[in-house]
Amino acid sequence: MTVQEIADGLVQACRTGKFDEAYTNYFSKDAKSIEPMGDNPVTEGLDNMFAKAAGWATTTELHGCEVSDPIVAGNYFTTKFVLDSTNKQTQVRSKNAELALYHVKDGKIVSEQFFYDM
C-alpha cells in the first residue's frame, strides 16, 4: 500500500467509528503513540495502544468525530480530528480539535503523534 492509500484508509475507518479496524489494518505491531501530555505520554506497541484506547473509552463518551482529508508528504501524513465528547466523571461535554501526524514505514504506520491544547 502507498502512503496515500494508508492515509485514506485510516481516515475512512475513523470517519465511520472503526478505530480498532484502523489500528489492525494500518499500524505496525511495534508502532508508538505520542501525546503532548498525561501520565504516560508515549505508548509503545499495538497491544498497548489498544489498551490505551480502551481506557479512554471507559472515561469518555464519544458523540462524534470529524476527520479531515489527509495531507501526504513523503512517508508522513497529517489529519485534523474534531472530537465531540463527554467526560463520564464530570459530565462535561466539549468539542476539541487536534492534529495527528503519522509516519509510515514498510507499508505500515510506525508512529502517531497528537498535537492539541486542553
N, C-alpha and C. Protein backbone atom coordinates (compact mmCIF):
# COMPACT_ATOMS: atom_id res chain seq x y z
N MET A 1 0.83 -1.19 0.00
CA MET A 1 0.00 0.00 0.00
C MET A 1 0.87 1.24 0.00
N THR A 2 0.41 2.25 -0.69
CA THR A 2 1.13 3.52 -0.68
C THR A 2 0.76 4.31 0.58
N VAL A 3 1.53 5.35 0.84
CA VAL A 3 1.22 6.21 1.99
C VAL A 3 -0.16 6.84 1.80
N GLN A 4 -0.49 7.25 0.60
CA GLN A 4 -1.80 7.83 0.32
C GLN A 4 -2.92 6.83 0.59
N GLU A 5 -2.74 5.58 0.18
CA GLU A 5 -3.76 4.56 0.42
C GLU A 5 -3.94 4.29 1.91
N ILE A 6 -2.84 4.25 2.65
CA ILE A 6 -2.91 4.06 4.11
C ILE A 6 -3.62 5.25 4.74
N ALA A 7 -3.25 6.46 4.33
CA ALA A 7 -3.88 7.67 4.87
C ALA A 7 -5.37 7.68 4.60
N ASP A 8 -5.76 7.39 3.37
CA ASP A 8 -7.18 7.38 3.00
C ASP A 8 -7.94 6.30 3.78
N GLY A 9 -7.33 5.13 3.95
CA GLY A 9 -7.98 4.04 4.68
C GLY A 9 -8.15 4.38 6.14
N LEU A 10 -7.13 4.96 6.75
CA LEU A 10 -7.22 5.35 8.16
C LEU A 10 -8.31 6.40 8.36
N VAL A 11 -8.34 7.40 7.50
CA VAL A 11 -9.35 8.46 7.60
C VAL A 11 -10.75 7.86 7.46
N GLN A 12 -10.94 7.00 6.49
CA GLN A 12 -12.27 6.40 6.28
C GLN A 12 -12.69 5.57 7.49
N ALA A 13 -11.78 4.79 8.03
CA ALA A 13 -12.10 3.97 9.21
C ALA A 13 -12.48 4.87 10.39
N CYS A 14 -11.74 5.95 10.60
CA CYS A 14 -12.03 6.85 11.72
C CYS A 14 -13.36 7.59 11.50
N ARG A 15 -13.64 7.98 10.28
CA ARG A 15 -14.90 8.68 9.99
C ARG A 15 -16.11 7.80 10.28
N THR A 16 -15.95 6.49 10.16
CA THR A 16 -17.06 5.58 10.40
C THR A 16 -16.99 4.94 11.79
N GLY A 17 -16.10 5.45 12.64
CA GLY A 17 -16.02 4.97 14.02
C GLY A 17 -15.33 3.62 14.18
N LYS A 18 -14.63 3.17 13.16
CA LYS A 18 -13.95 1.87 13.20
C LYS A 18 -12.49 2.04 13.61
N PHE A 19 -12.29 2.55 14.83
CA PHE A 19 -10.94 2.86 15.30
C PHE A 19 -10.09 1.60 15.48
N ASP A 20 -10.69 0.53 16.00
CA ASP A 20 -9.95 -0.72 16.15
C ASP A 20 -9.51 -1.26 14.80
N GLU A 21 -10.38 -1.15 13.81
CA GLU A 21 -10.05 -1.59 12.45
C GLU A 21 -8.89 -0.77 11.89
N ALA A 22 -8.87 0.53 12.20
CA ALA A 22 -7.76 1.38 11.74
C ALA A 22 -6.44 0.88 12.31
N TYR A 23 -6.43 0.60 13.61
CA TYR A 23 -5.20 0.08 14.23
C TYR A 23 -4.80 -1.26 13.61
N THR A 24 -5.76 -2.16 13.48
CA THR A 24 -5.47 -3.51 12.98
C THR A 24 -4.96 -3.49 11.55
N ASN A 25 -5.59 -2.69 10.70
CA ASN A 25 -5.26 -2.72 9.27
C ASN A 25 -4.04 -1.89 8.88
N TYR A 26 -3.75 -0.82 9.62
CA TYR A 26 -2.76 0.14 9.13
C TYR A 26 -1.53 0.34 10.02
N PHE A 27 -1.52 -0.19 11.23
CA PHE A 27 -0.43 0.05 12.16
C PHE A 27 0.49 -1.15 12.29
N SER A 28 1.78 -0.87 12.45
CA SER A 28 2.77 -1.89 12.75
C SER A 28 2.55 -2.39 14.18
N LYS A 29 2.88 -3.64 14.43
CA LYS A 29 2.77 -4.18 15.79
C LYS A 29 3.70 -3.45 16.76
N ASP A 30 4.74 -2.82 16.23
CA ASP A 30 5.72 -2.09 17.06
C ASP A 30 5.48 -0.58 17.05
N ALA A 31 4.32 -0.16 16.59
CA ALA A 31 4.04 1.28 16.49
C ALA A 31 4.05 1.94 17.86
N LYS A 32 4.20 3.27 17.83
CA LYS A 32 4.10 4.03 19.08
C LYS A 32 3.17 5.20 18.88
N SER A 33 2.59 5.63 20.01
CA SER A 33 1.66 6.75 20.04
C SER A 33 2.18 7.77 21.02
N ILE A 34 2.21 9.04 20.59
CA ILE A 34 2.78 10.11 21.42
C ILE A 34 1.71 11.18 21.65
N GLU A 35 1.45 11.47 22.92
CA GLU A 35 0.51 12.51 23.33
C GLU A 35 1.31 13.68 23.90
N PRO A 36 0.78 14.91 23.83
CA PRO A 36 1.52 16.05 24.35
C PRO A 36 1.52 16.15 25.87
N MET A 37 0.67 15.36 26.54
CA MET A 37 0.58 15.46 28.00
C MET A 37 0.02 14.16 28.55
N GLY A 38 -0.06 14.06 29.87
CA GLY A 38 -0.63 12.89 30.51
C GLY A 38 0.40 12.14 31.32
N ASP A 39 -0.07 11.14 32.05
CA ASP A 39 0.83 10.35 32.90
C ASP A 39 1.81 9.53 32.08
N ASN A 40 1.37 9.01 30.95
CA ASN A 40 2.22 8.19 30.07
C ASN A 40 2.10 8.73 28.65
N PRO A 41 2.87 9.77 28.32
CA PRO A 41 2.69 10.39 27.01
C PRO A 41 3.13 9.53 25.82
N VAL A 42 3.94 8.50 26.06
CA VAL A 42 4.38 7.63 24.96
C VAL A 42 3.89 6.21 25.24
N THR A 43 3.16 5.66 24.29
CA THR A 43 2.68 4.29 24.37
C THR A 43 3.34 3.51 23.25
N GLU A 44 4.01 2.42 23.59
CA GLU A 44 4.71 1.62 22.58
C GLU A 44 4.09 0.25 22.42
N GLY A 45 3.91 -0.16 21.16
CA GLY A 45 3.35 -1.46 20.85
C GLY A 45 1.86 -1.39 20.61
N LEU A 46 1.41 -2.09 19.58
CA LEU A 46 0.00 -2.05 19.19
C LEU A 46 -0.92 -2.54 20.30
N ASP A 47 -0.53 -3.59 21.01
CA ASP A 47 -1.37 -4.09 22.10
C ASP A 47 -1.57 -3.02 23.17
N ASN A 48 -0.52 -2.28 23.49
CA ASN A 48 -0.62 -1.21 24.48
C ASN A 48 -1.45 -0.04 23.94
N MET A 49 -1.38 0.19 22.64
CA MET A 49 -2.19 1.25 22.03
C MET A 49 -3.68 0.88 22.09
N PHE A 50 -4.00 -0.40 21.88
CA PHE A 50 -5.38 -0.86 22.04
C PHE A 50 -5.84 -0.65 23.48
N ALA A 51 -4.98 -0.98 24.44
CA ALA A 51 -5.32 -0.81 25.86
C ALA A 51 -5.54 0.66 26.20
N LYS A 52 -4.70 1.54 25.64
CA LYS A 52 -4.85 2.98 25.86
C LYS A 52 -6.20 3.46 25.32
N ALA A 53 -6.56 3.01 24.14
CA ALA A 53 -7.85 3.41 23.54
C ALA A 53 -9.01 2.87 24.36
N ALA A 54 -8.90 1.66 24.86
CA ALA A 54 -9.96 1.09 25.69
C ALA A 54 -10.10 1.87 26.99
N GLY A 55 -8.98 2.28 27.58
CA GLY A 55 -9.01 3.09 28.79
C GLY A 55 -9.69 4.42 28.56
N TRP A 56 -9.38 5.05 27.42
CA TRP A 56 -10.02 6.32 27.07
C TRP A 56 -11.52 6.13 26.93
N ALA A 57 -11.93 5.03 26.32
CA ALA A 57 -13.36 4.77 26.11
C ALA A 57 -14.11 4.56 27.42
N THR A 58 -13.43 4.11 28.46
CA THR A 58 -14.11 3.92 29.75
C THR A 58 -14.36 5.25 30.45
N THR A 59 -13.62 6.28 30.10
CA THR A 59 -13.76 7.58 30.77
C THR A 59 -14.45 8.62 29.89
N THR A 60 -14.67 8.30 28.62
CA THR A 60 -15.17 9.28 27.67
C THR A 60 -16.29 8.71 26.81
N GLU A 61 -17.35 9.49 26.65
CA GLU A 61 -18.41 9.13 25.71
C GLU A 61 -18.21 9.96 24.45
N LEU A 62 -18.01 9.29 23.34
CA LEU A 62 -17.78 9.97 22.07
C LEU A 62 -19.11 10.15 21.35
N HIS A 63 -19.46 11.41 21.05
CA HIS A 63 -20.71 11.72 20.34
C HIS A 63 -20.48 11.87 18.84
N GLY A 64 -19.28 12.27 18.47
CA GLY A 64 -18.98 12.46 17.06
C GLY A 64 -17.50 12.72 16.85
N CYS A 65 -17.06 12.41 15.64
CA CYS A 65 -15.64 12.60 15.30
C CYS A 65 -15.56 13.05 13.85
N GLU A 66 -15.14 14.29 13.66
CA GLU A 66 -14.91 14.81 12.30
C GLU A 66 -13.44 14.58 11.96
N VAL A 67 -13.18 14.13 10.75
CA VAL A 67 -11.81 13.85 10.33
C VAL A 67 -11.59 14.50 8.97
N SER A 68 -10.56 15.33 8.88
CA SER A 68 -10.25 15.99 7.61
C SER A 68 -9.63 15.01 6.62
N ASP A 69 -9.61 15.42 5.37
CA ASP A 69 -8.86 14.65 4.38
C ASP A 69 -7.38 14.71 4.77
N PRO A 70 -6.64 13.64 4.49
CA PRO A 70 -5.22 13.64 4.85
C PRO A 70 -4.38 14.48 3.90
N ILE A 71 -3.28 14.97 4.43
CA ILE A 71 -2.26 15.65 3.63
C ILE A 71 -1.01 14.78 3.71
N VAL A 72 -0.52 14.33 2.57
CA VAL A 72 0.62 13.41 2.50
C VAL A 72 1.86 14.16 2.04
N ALA A 73 2.97 13.88 2.71
CA ALA A 73 4.28 14.42 2.32
C ALA A 73 5.31 13.32 2.57
N GLY A 74 5.78 12.71 1.49
CA GLY A 74 6.75 11.64 1.63
C GLY A 74 6.16 10.47 2.41
N ASN A 75 6.84 10.07 3.47
CA ASN A 75 6.39 8.95 4.30
C ASN A 75 5.56 9.40 5.50
N TYR A 76 5.05 10.62 5.45
CA TYR A 76 4.25 11.17 6.54
C TYR A 76 2.91 11.64 6.01
N PHE A 77 1.92 11.64 6.91
CA PHE A 77 0.66 12.32 6.59
C PHE A 77 0.08 12.87 7.88
N THR A 78 -0.77 13.86 7.70
CA THR A 78 -1.43 14.50 8.83
C THR A 78 -2.91 14.63 8.55
N THR A 79 -3.66 14.71 9.61
CA THR A 79 -5.09 14.95 9.50
C THR A 79 -5.55 15.68 10.76
N LYS A 80 -6.69 16.35 10.65
CA LYS A 80 -7.27 17.07 11.78
C LYS A 80 -8.48 16.29 12.27
N PHE A 81 -8.54 16.10 13.58
CA PHE A 81 -9.69 15.47 14.23
C PHE A 81 -10.41 16.53 15.05
N VAL A 82 -11.73 16.51 15.04
CA VAL A 82 -12.54 17.30 15.97
C VAL A 82 -13.42 16.30 16.71
N LEU A 83 -13.17 16.16 18.01
CA LEU A 83 -13.87 15.18 18.82
C LEU A 83 -14.94 15.87 19.66
N ASP A 84 -16.16 15.41 19.55
CA ASP A 84 -17.28 15.87 20.37
C ASP A 84 -17.48 14.78 21.42
N SER A 85 -17.15 15.08 22.68
CA SER A 85 -17.16 14.03 23.70
C SER A 85 -17.60 14.57 25.05
N THR A 86 -17.99 13.64 25.91
CA THR A 86 -18.36 13.96 27.29
C THR A 86 -17.47 13.16 28.23
N ASN A 87 -16.87 13.86 29.20
CA ASN A 87 -16.12 13.20 30.27
C ASN A 87 -17.15 12.53 31.17
N LYS A 88 -17.07 11.20 31.30
CA LYS A 88 -18.08 10.46 32.06
C LYS A 88 -18.07 10.81 33.55
N GLN A 89 -16.92 11.20 34.08
CA GLN A 89 -16.84 11.53 35.51
C GLN A 89 -17.45 12.90 35.80
N THR A 90 -17.10 13.90 34.99
CA THR A 90 -17.56 15.26 35.26
C THR A 90 -18.85 15.61 34.53
N GLN A 91 -19.20 14.79 33.52
CA GLN A 91 -20.36 15.04 32.66
C GLN A 91 -20.22 16.33 31.85
N VAL A 92 -18.99 16.80 31.66
CA VAL A 92 -18.73 17.98 30.85
C VAL A 92 -18.56 17.55 29.39
N ARG A 93 -19.36 18.16 28.53
CA ARG A 93 -19.27 17.88 27.10
C ARG A 93 -18.43 18.97 26.45
N SER A 94 -17.56 18.56 25.52
CA SER A 94 -16.71 19.54 24.84
C SER A 94 -16.40 19.07 23.42
N LYS A 95 -15.99 20.03 22.63
CA LYS A 95 -15.51 19.77 21.27
C LYS A 95 -14.06 20.20 21.23
N ASN A 96 -13.17 19.26 20.93
CA ASN A 96 -11.74 19.55 20.92
C ASN A 96 -11.14 19.17 19.58
N ALA A 97 -10.28 20.05 19.08
CA ALA A 97 -9.58 19.80 17.82
C ALA A 97 -8.16 19.36 18.12
N GLU A 98 -7.65 18.46 17.29
CA GLU A 98 -6.26 18.03 17.40
C GLU A 98 -5.73 17.69 16.02
N LEU A 99 -4.43 17.83 15.89
CA LEU A 99 -3.74 17.40 14.68
C LEU A 99 -3.04 16.09 14.98
N ALA A 100 -3.06 15.19 14.02
CA ALA A 100 -2.36 13.92 14.16
C ALA A 100 -1.35 13.82 13.02
N LEU A 101 -0.13 13.45 13.38
CA LEU A 101 0.94 13.25 12.41
C LEU A 101 1.32 11.78 12.43
N TYR A 102 1.30 11.14 11.28
CA TYR A 102 1.60 9.71 11.15
C TYR A 102 2.85 9.50 10.32
N HIS A 103 3.66 8.54 10.72
CA HIS A 103 4.87 8.16 9.98
C HIS A 103 4.66 6.74 9.46
N VAL A 104 4.86 6.54 8.17
CA VAL A 104 4.67 5.24 7.53
C VAL A 104 6.03 4.69 7.11
N LYS A 105 6.23 3.41 7.41
CA LYS A 105 7.47 2.74 7.01
C LYS A 105 7.12 1.29 6.65
N ASP A 106 7.61 0.82 5.54
CA ASP A 106 7.38 -0.56 5.09
C ASP A 106 5.89 -0.91 5.04
N GLY A 107 5.07 0.04 4.60
CA GLY A 107 3.66 -0.22 4.39
C GLY A 107 2.78 -0.21 5.62
N LYS A 108 3.30 0.26 6.75
CA LYS A 108 2.51 0.33 7.99
C LYS A 108 2.83 1.63 8.72
N ILE A 109 1.89 2.11 9.52
CA ILE A 109 2.14 3.27 10.36
C ILE A 109 3.00 2.83 11.54
N VAL A 110 4.13 3.51 11.72
CA VAL A 110 5.05 3.16 12.81
C VAL A 110 4.94 4.14 13.98
N SER A 111 4.36 5.31 13.73
CA SER A 111 4.14 6.23 14.85
C SER A 111 3.00 7.19 14.52
N GLU A 112 2.32 7.59 15.60
CA GLU A 112 1.31 8.63 15.53
C GLU A 112 1.63 9.61 16.64
N GLN A 113 1.50 10.89 16.34
CA GLN A 113 1.74 11.91 17.35
C GLN A 113 0.61 12.93 17.27
N PHE A 114 0.06 13.26 18.45
CA PHE A 114 -1.06 14.18 18.52
C PHE A 114 -0.64 15.51 19.07
N PHE A 115 -1.25 16.57 18.54
CA PHE A 115 -0.97 17.94 18.98
C PHE A 115 -2.31 18.60 19.30
N TYR A 116 -2.46 19.05 20.56
CA TYR A 116 -3.69 19.70 20.98
C TYR A 116 -3.45 20.49 22.27
N ASP A 117 -4.36 21.41 22.54
CA ASP A 117 -4.38 22.16 23.79
C ASP A 117 -5.56 21.67 24.60
N MET A 118 -5.43 21.68 25.89
CA MET A 118 -6.55 21.30 26.77
C MET A 118 -7.07 22.54 27.46
